[in-house]
Amino acid sequence: MLLAGRPVCGDTLVLVHGYASDASTWELSGINTELQRRGWPRAGVLTPVSPGAMMPASPPGARNRSYSVNLPAEAPLLVQADYLRAALNLLRRHYPSDKLILVGHSAGGVVARLAVLGANPYRVDRLITIASPHLGTARAAQGLDIVDARPFFCPGPGIDILKSVVGGSDYDYLKHSRGVLLDLLPAESGNVLLWLNQQPHPDIRYEAVVRQTPFAPGDELVPAYSQDMNNIPALRGRVKVFVTSAGHALNPHDGALLAGLLEN
């Protein structure tokens, strides 16, 4: 259904999922329910397939609205950023005067950062990231080790068949994710993160939600220093940080935290 009528000017929230995930993570985690309760009704799910993709209608009379975006999460970060840009372009056409706010979880926060580069073409006003590996994560290297390992007893292509049989769909997804895993290696590896973190970033509002567990600084996937955007050379000192005690996955408390941040 195409957007009908003249939209009410307000704020448009865009929720960007992370690796091995999709737009449903915001629903299943309870975040959409909490946002709706606090004045951010669901406006729909965007799955960019072309610049002319159709949008669901926003709730009638809603001043604020929240969209979730489906991205090809196994694709390299730059490819995912192109899909996100298509969604932002569509939103800007329909809501030319809205404040546009991006919220990215995990790798989605890095994808969102890529989308605002180049003088912020879609006039994003604010970027909030949750547990995002801005400086990379060693867990990406572990995933690559699983894909690239060639044991002495099976050095040829047959190992891929064996891994698929043993690992099933999880291994197949990991294998098809090689590009994004390379992108998410620690930034000193000379990858896209190293390049991204040196680029000029637009003068917008930046906030980072950093996970902290009792067992380690950070969560089970991303260390705390990597989640803190102040550790990015191009953003040092420009980011407000909020530390939460939780694992890497999204949870209902993130909905309350986001709603509180958005009210400010």
Protein backbone atom coordinates (compact mmCIF):
# COMPACT_ATOMS: atom_id res chain seq x y z
CA MET A 1 0.00 0.00 0.00
CA LEU A 2 1.38 3.38 -0.96
CA LEU A 3 1.55 6.17 1.56
CA ALA A 4 -1.72 8.05 1.25
CA GLY A 5 -2.50 11.68 1.95
CA ARG A 6 -0.22 14.32 3.34
CA PRO A 7 1.91 12.94 6.22
CA VAL A 8 1.97 14.74 9.53
CA CYS A 9 5.38 16.31 10.14
CA GLY A 10 7.24 14.80 13.06
CA ASP A 11 10.06 12.36 13.69
CA THR A 12 10.71 9.21 11.70
CA LEU A 13 12.62 6.42 13.42
CA VAL A 14 14.46 3.82 11.34
CA LEU A 15 15.47 0.56 13.07
CA VAL A 16 18.42 -1.28 11.49
CA HIS A 17 19.08 -4.90 12.48
CA GLY A 18 22.43 -6.61 12.81
CA TYR A 19 24.22 -9.69 11.49
CA ALA A 20 22.30 -12.97 11.11
CA SER A 21 19.07 -11.13 11.79
CA ASP A 22 16.23 -9.26 10.09
CA ALA A 23 13.58 -6.64 10.82
CA SER A 24 11.61 -9.06 13.00
CA THR A 25 14.21 -8.74 15.78
CA TRP A 26 12.67 -5.41 16.83
CA GLU A 27 9.27 -7.09 17.12
CA LEU A 28 10.36 -10.33 18.79
CA SER A 29 12.47 -8.49 21.37
CA GLY A 30 9.49 -6.44 22.51
CA ILE A 31 11.08 -3.14 21.47
CA ASN A 32 8.36 -2.22 18.97
CA THR A 33 5.69 -2.82 21.58
CA GLU A 34 7.41 -0.53 24.08
CA LEU A 35 8.06 2.15 21.46
CA GLN A 36 4.41 2.04 20.39
CA ARG A 37 3.31 2.42 24.00
CA ARG A 38 5.56 5.47 24.35
CA GLY A 39 4.37 7.32 21.26
CA TRP A 40 6.28 5.69 18.39
CA PRO A 41 3.70 3.59 16.51
CA ARG A 42 4.77 0.98 14.01
CA ALA A 43 4.61 2.40 10.49
CA GLY A 44 5.74 -0.78 8.74
CA VAL A 45 8.69 -2.80 7.49
CA LEU A 46 10.78 -1.64 4.54
CA THR A 47 12.53 -4.21 2.36
CA PRO A 48 14.46 -2.21 -0.24
CA VAL A 49 14.53 -3.97 -3.60
CA SER A 50 14.61 -0.96 -5.91
CA PRO A 51 14.55 2.84 -5.67
CA GLY A 52 10.81 2.77 -6.39
CA ALA A 53 9.87 0.27 -3.68
CA MET A 54 6.46 0.85 -2.11
CA MET A 55 6.00 1.83 1.53
CA PRO A 56 3.30 0.84 3.96
CA ALA A 57 1.14 3.68 5.21
CA SER A 58 1.98 5.34 8.50
CA PRO A 59 -0.64 5.30 11.27
CA PRO A 60 -3.26 8.01 10.58
CA GLY A 61 -2.45 11.26 12.33
CA ALA A 62 0.72 9.94 13.91
CA ARG A 63 3.25 12.65 14.59
CA ASN A 64 6.08 10.17 15.19
CA ARG A 65 6.51 6.86 13.44
CA SER A 66 8.84 3.88 13.50
CA TYR A 67 9.99 1.79 10.54
CA SER A 68 12.06 -1.40 10.57
CA VAL A 69 14.32 -2.15 7.60
CA ASN A 70 15.20 -5.55 6.16
CA LEU A 71 18.79 -5.76 4.91
CA PRO A 72 20.83 -8.65 3.43
CA ALA A 73 22.65 -9.27 6.71
CA GLU A 74 25.15 -11.74 5.24
CA ALA A 75 26.34 -9.22 2.61
CA PRO A 76 29.39 -6.94 3.02
CA LEU A 77 28.76 -3.76 4.99
CA LEU A 78 28.99 -1.49 1.94
CA VAL A 79 26.33 -3.54 0.15
CA GLN A 80 24.03 -3.38 3.18
CA ALA A 81 24.60 0.38 3.35
CA ASP A 82 23.42 0.72 -0.26
CA TYR A 83 20.16 -1.04 0.64
CA LEU A 84 19.72 1.21 3.66
CA ARG A 85 20.34 4.29 1.51
CA ALA A 86 17.53 3.17 -0.82
CA ALA A 87 15.19 3.00 2.18
CA LEU A 88 16.30 6.41 3.47
CA ASN A 89 15.86 7.93 0.04
CA LEU A 90 12.28 6.64 -0.06
CA LEU A 91 11.57 7.94 3.44
CA ARG A 92 12.96 11.37 2.60
CA ARG A 93 10.69 11.58 -0.43
CA HIS A 94 7.63 10.89 1.73
CA TYR A 95 8.73 12.83 4.82
CA PRO A 96 10.83 15.73 3.50
CA SER A 97 10.50 17.80 6.69
CA ASP A 98 10.77 15.07 9.33
CA LYS A 99 13.64 14.61 11.69
CA LEU A 100 15.19 11.31 10.67
CA ILE A 101 16.65 9.13 13.45
CA LEU A 102 18.63 5.93 12.84
CA VAL A 103 18.96 3.21 15.47
CA GLY A 104 21.30 0.34 14.64
CA HIS A 105 21.86 -2.84 16.62
CA SER A 106 25.19 -4.67 16.38
CA ALA A 107 26.53 -4.53 12.79
CA GLY A 108 23.45 -2.47 11.89
CA GLY A 109 24.97 0.45 13.78
CA VAL A 110 28.03 0.32 11.52
CA VAL A 111 25.82 0.09 8.42
CA ALA A 112 23.90 3.14 9.63
CA ARG A 113 27.16 5.07 10.07
CA LEU A 114 28.16 4.24 6.51
CA ALA A 115 24.81 5.58 5.28
CA VAL A 116 25.37 9.07 6.73
CA LEU A 117 28.81 9.58 5.18
CA GLY A 118 29.27 11.89 2.23
CA ALA A 119 27.81 15.07 3.75
CA ASN A 120 24.76 13.28 5.16
CA PRO A 121 22.73 13.15 1.91
CA TYR A 122 19.49 12.02 3.60
CA ARG A 123 19.71 14.66 6.35
CA VAL A 124 19.80 12.20 9.23
CA ASP A 125 19.51 14.14 12.49
CA ARG A 126 20.57 11.50 14.98
CA LEU A 127 22.30 8.13 15.17
CA ILE A 128 21.94 5.72 18.10
CA THR A 129 23.86 2.45 18.10
CA ILE A 130 23.35 -0.55 20.40
CA ALA A 131 26.21 -3.01 21.03
CA SER A 132 27.79 -2.15 17.68
CA PRO A 133 31.32 -3.33 16.76
CA HIS A 134 32.62 0.06 15.61
CA LEU A 135 36.22 -1.06 16.08
CA GLY A 136 35.51 -4.64 15.06
CA THR A 137 35.34 -7.89 16.99
CA ALA A 138 37.56 -10.95 17.30
CA ARG A 139 34.45 -13.11 16.98
CA ALA A 140 34.48 -12.32 13.26
CA ALA A 141 37.92 -13.93 13.05
CA GLN A 142 36.57 -17.01 14.81
CA GLY A 143 33.82 -17.27 12.22
CA LEU A 144 36.34 -16.99 9.39
CA ASP A 145 38.48 -19.69 11.02
CA ILE A 146 35.52 -22.06 10.92
CA VAL A 147 34.89 -21.29 7.24
CA ASP A 148 38.54 -21.36 6.13
CA ALA A 149 39.88 -24.27 8.21
CA ARG A 150 41.31 -27.10 6.11
CA PRO A 151 42.26 -30.05 8.39
CA PHE A 152 45.04 -32.39 7.27
CA PHE A 153 42.66 -35.36 6.94
CA CYS A 154 40.42 -33.52 4.45
CA PRO A 155 42.38 -30.76 2.70
CA GLY A 156 40.31 -30.54 -0.48
CA PRO A 157 36.86 -29.17 -1.36
CA GLY A 158 35.23 -32.15 0.34
CA ILE A 159 35.63 -30.39 3.67
CA ASP A 160 32.88 -27.95 2.71
CA ILE A 161 30.48 -30.84 2.19
CA LEU A 162 31.48 -32.30 5.54
CA LYS A 163 31.02 -28.96 7.31
CA SER A 164 27.61 -28.49 5.69
CA VAL A 165 26.52 -31.94 6.84
CA VAL A 166 27.74 -31.38 10.40
CA GLY A 167 27.00 -27.67 10.74
CA GLY A 168 23.87 -27.55 8.62
CA SER A 169 22.27 -24.23 7.80
CA ASP A 170 24.35 -22.39 10.42
CA TYR A 171 27.58 -23.29 8.65
CA ASP A 172 26.10 -22.47 5.24
CA TYR A 173 25.05 -19.02 6.48
CA LEU A 174 28.51 -18.47 7.96
CA LYS A 175 30.11 -19.45 4.65
CA HIS A 176 27.95 -17.01 2.70
CA SER A 177 28.79 -14.29 5.23
CA ARG A 178 32.53 -14.25 4.54
CA GLY A 179 32.46 -10.71 3.17
CA VAL A 180 30.79 -9.15 6.19
CA LEU A 181 32.97 -11.16 8.58
CA LEU A 182 36.04 -9.68 6.92
CA ASP A 183 34.49 -6.24 7.31
CA LEU A 184 33.92 -6.82 11.04
CA LEU A 185 37.47 -7.88 11.87
CA PRO A 186 39.27 -5.51 14.27
CA ALA A 187 39.78 -2.20 12.50
CA GLU A 188 43.57 -2.45 12.46
CA SER A 189 43.20 -5.30 9.96
CA GLY A 190 43.08 -2.80 7.09
CA ASN A 191 39.44 -3.48 6.32
CA VAL A 192 36.45 -1.23 5.68
CA LEU A 193 36.21 -0.36 9.39
CA LEU A 194 39.70 1.12 9.36
CA TRP A 195 38.71 3.28 6.38
CA LEU A 196 35.31 4.21 7.83
CA ASN A 197 36.70 5.30 11.17
CA GLN A 198 39.01 7.83 9.50
CA GLN A 199 36.29 9.46 7.39
CA PRO A 200 34.73 12.85 8.28
CA HIS A 201 31.38 12.26 9.97
CA PRO A 202 28.49 14.74 9.72
CA ASP A 203 27.70 17.08 12.59
CA ILE A 204 24.69 15.22 13.98
CA ARG A 205 23.79 13.80 17.36
CA TYR A 206 25.56 10.52 18.19
CA GLU A 207 24.71 8.16 21.05
CA ALA A 208 26.09 4.71 21.84
CA VAL A 209 24.48 2.10 24.07
CA VAL A 210 27.32 -0.02 25.44
CA ARG A 211 26.71 -3.48 26.89
CA GLN A 212 28.41 -4.48 30.11
CA THR A 213 28.27 -7.98 31.64
CA PRO A 214 29.52 -9.15 35.05
CA PHE A 215 32.05 -11.42 33.39
CA ALA A 216 33.85 -9.16 30.91
CA PRO A 217 34.02 -5.55 29.69
CA GLY A 218 31.43 -5.73 26.95
CA ASP A 219 29.12 -8.55 25.95
CA GLU A 220 29.71 -12.06 24.62
CA LEU A 221 30.33 -10.80 21.06
CA VAL A 222 31.68 -7.24 21.14
CA PRO A 223 34.09 -5.67 23.66
CA ALA A 224 32.95 -2.47 25.33
CA TYR A 225 35.69 -0.29 23.82
CA SER A 226 34.51 -1.30 20.33
CA GLN A 227 30.91 -0.35 21.15
CA ASP A 228 31.92 3.15 22.32
CA MET A 229 31.88 5.51 19.33
CA ASN A 230 34.12 7.94 21.23
CA ASN A 231 36.96 5.53 20.44
CA ILE A 232 36.49 6.18 16.73
CA PRO A 233 39.15 8.75 15.70
CA ALA A 234 36.65 10.75 13.63
CA LEU A 235 34.12 10.95 16.50
CA ARG A 236 36.27 11.23 19.59
CA GLY A 237 34.54 13.34 22.23
CA ARG A 238 31.33 13.80 20.22
CA VAL A 239 29.32 10.82 21.47
CA LYS A 240 27.12 10.39 24.53
CA VAL A 241 27.44 6.89 25.99
CA PHE A 242 24.88 4.87 27.96
CA VAL A 243 26.05 1.67 29.67
CA THR A 244 23.53 -1.13 30.17
CA SER A 245 23.94 -4.47 31.92
CA ALA A 246 22.83 -6.98 29.30
CA GLY A 247 24.01 -9.47 26.72
CA HIS A 248 24.38 -8.74 23.04
CA ALA A 249 20.81 -9.53 22.00
CA LEU A 250 18.06 -6.94 21.99
CA ASN A 251 15.61 -7.04 24.90
CA PRO A 252 12.47 -5.17 26.07
CA HIS A 253 14.55 -2.87 28.29
CA ASP A 254 16.15 -1.49 25.12
CA GLY A 255 12.71 -0.29 24.07
CA ALA A 256 12.30 1.65 27.31
CA LEU A 257 15.82 3.05 27.00
CA LEU A 258 15.25 4.14 23.39
CA ALA A 259 11.92 5.73 24.22
CA GLY A 260 13.56 7.66 27.05
CA LEU A 261 16.37 8.87 24.78
CA LEU A 262 13.90 9.91 22.10
CA GLU A 263 11.85 11.92 24.58
CA ASN A 264 14.90 14.11 25.22
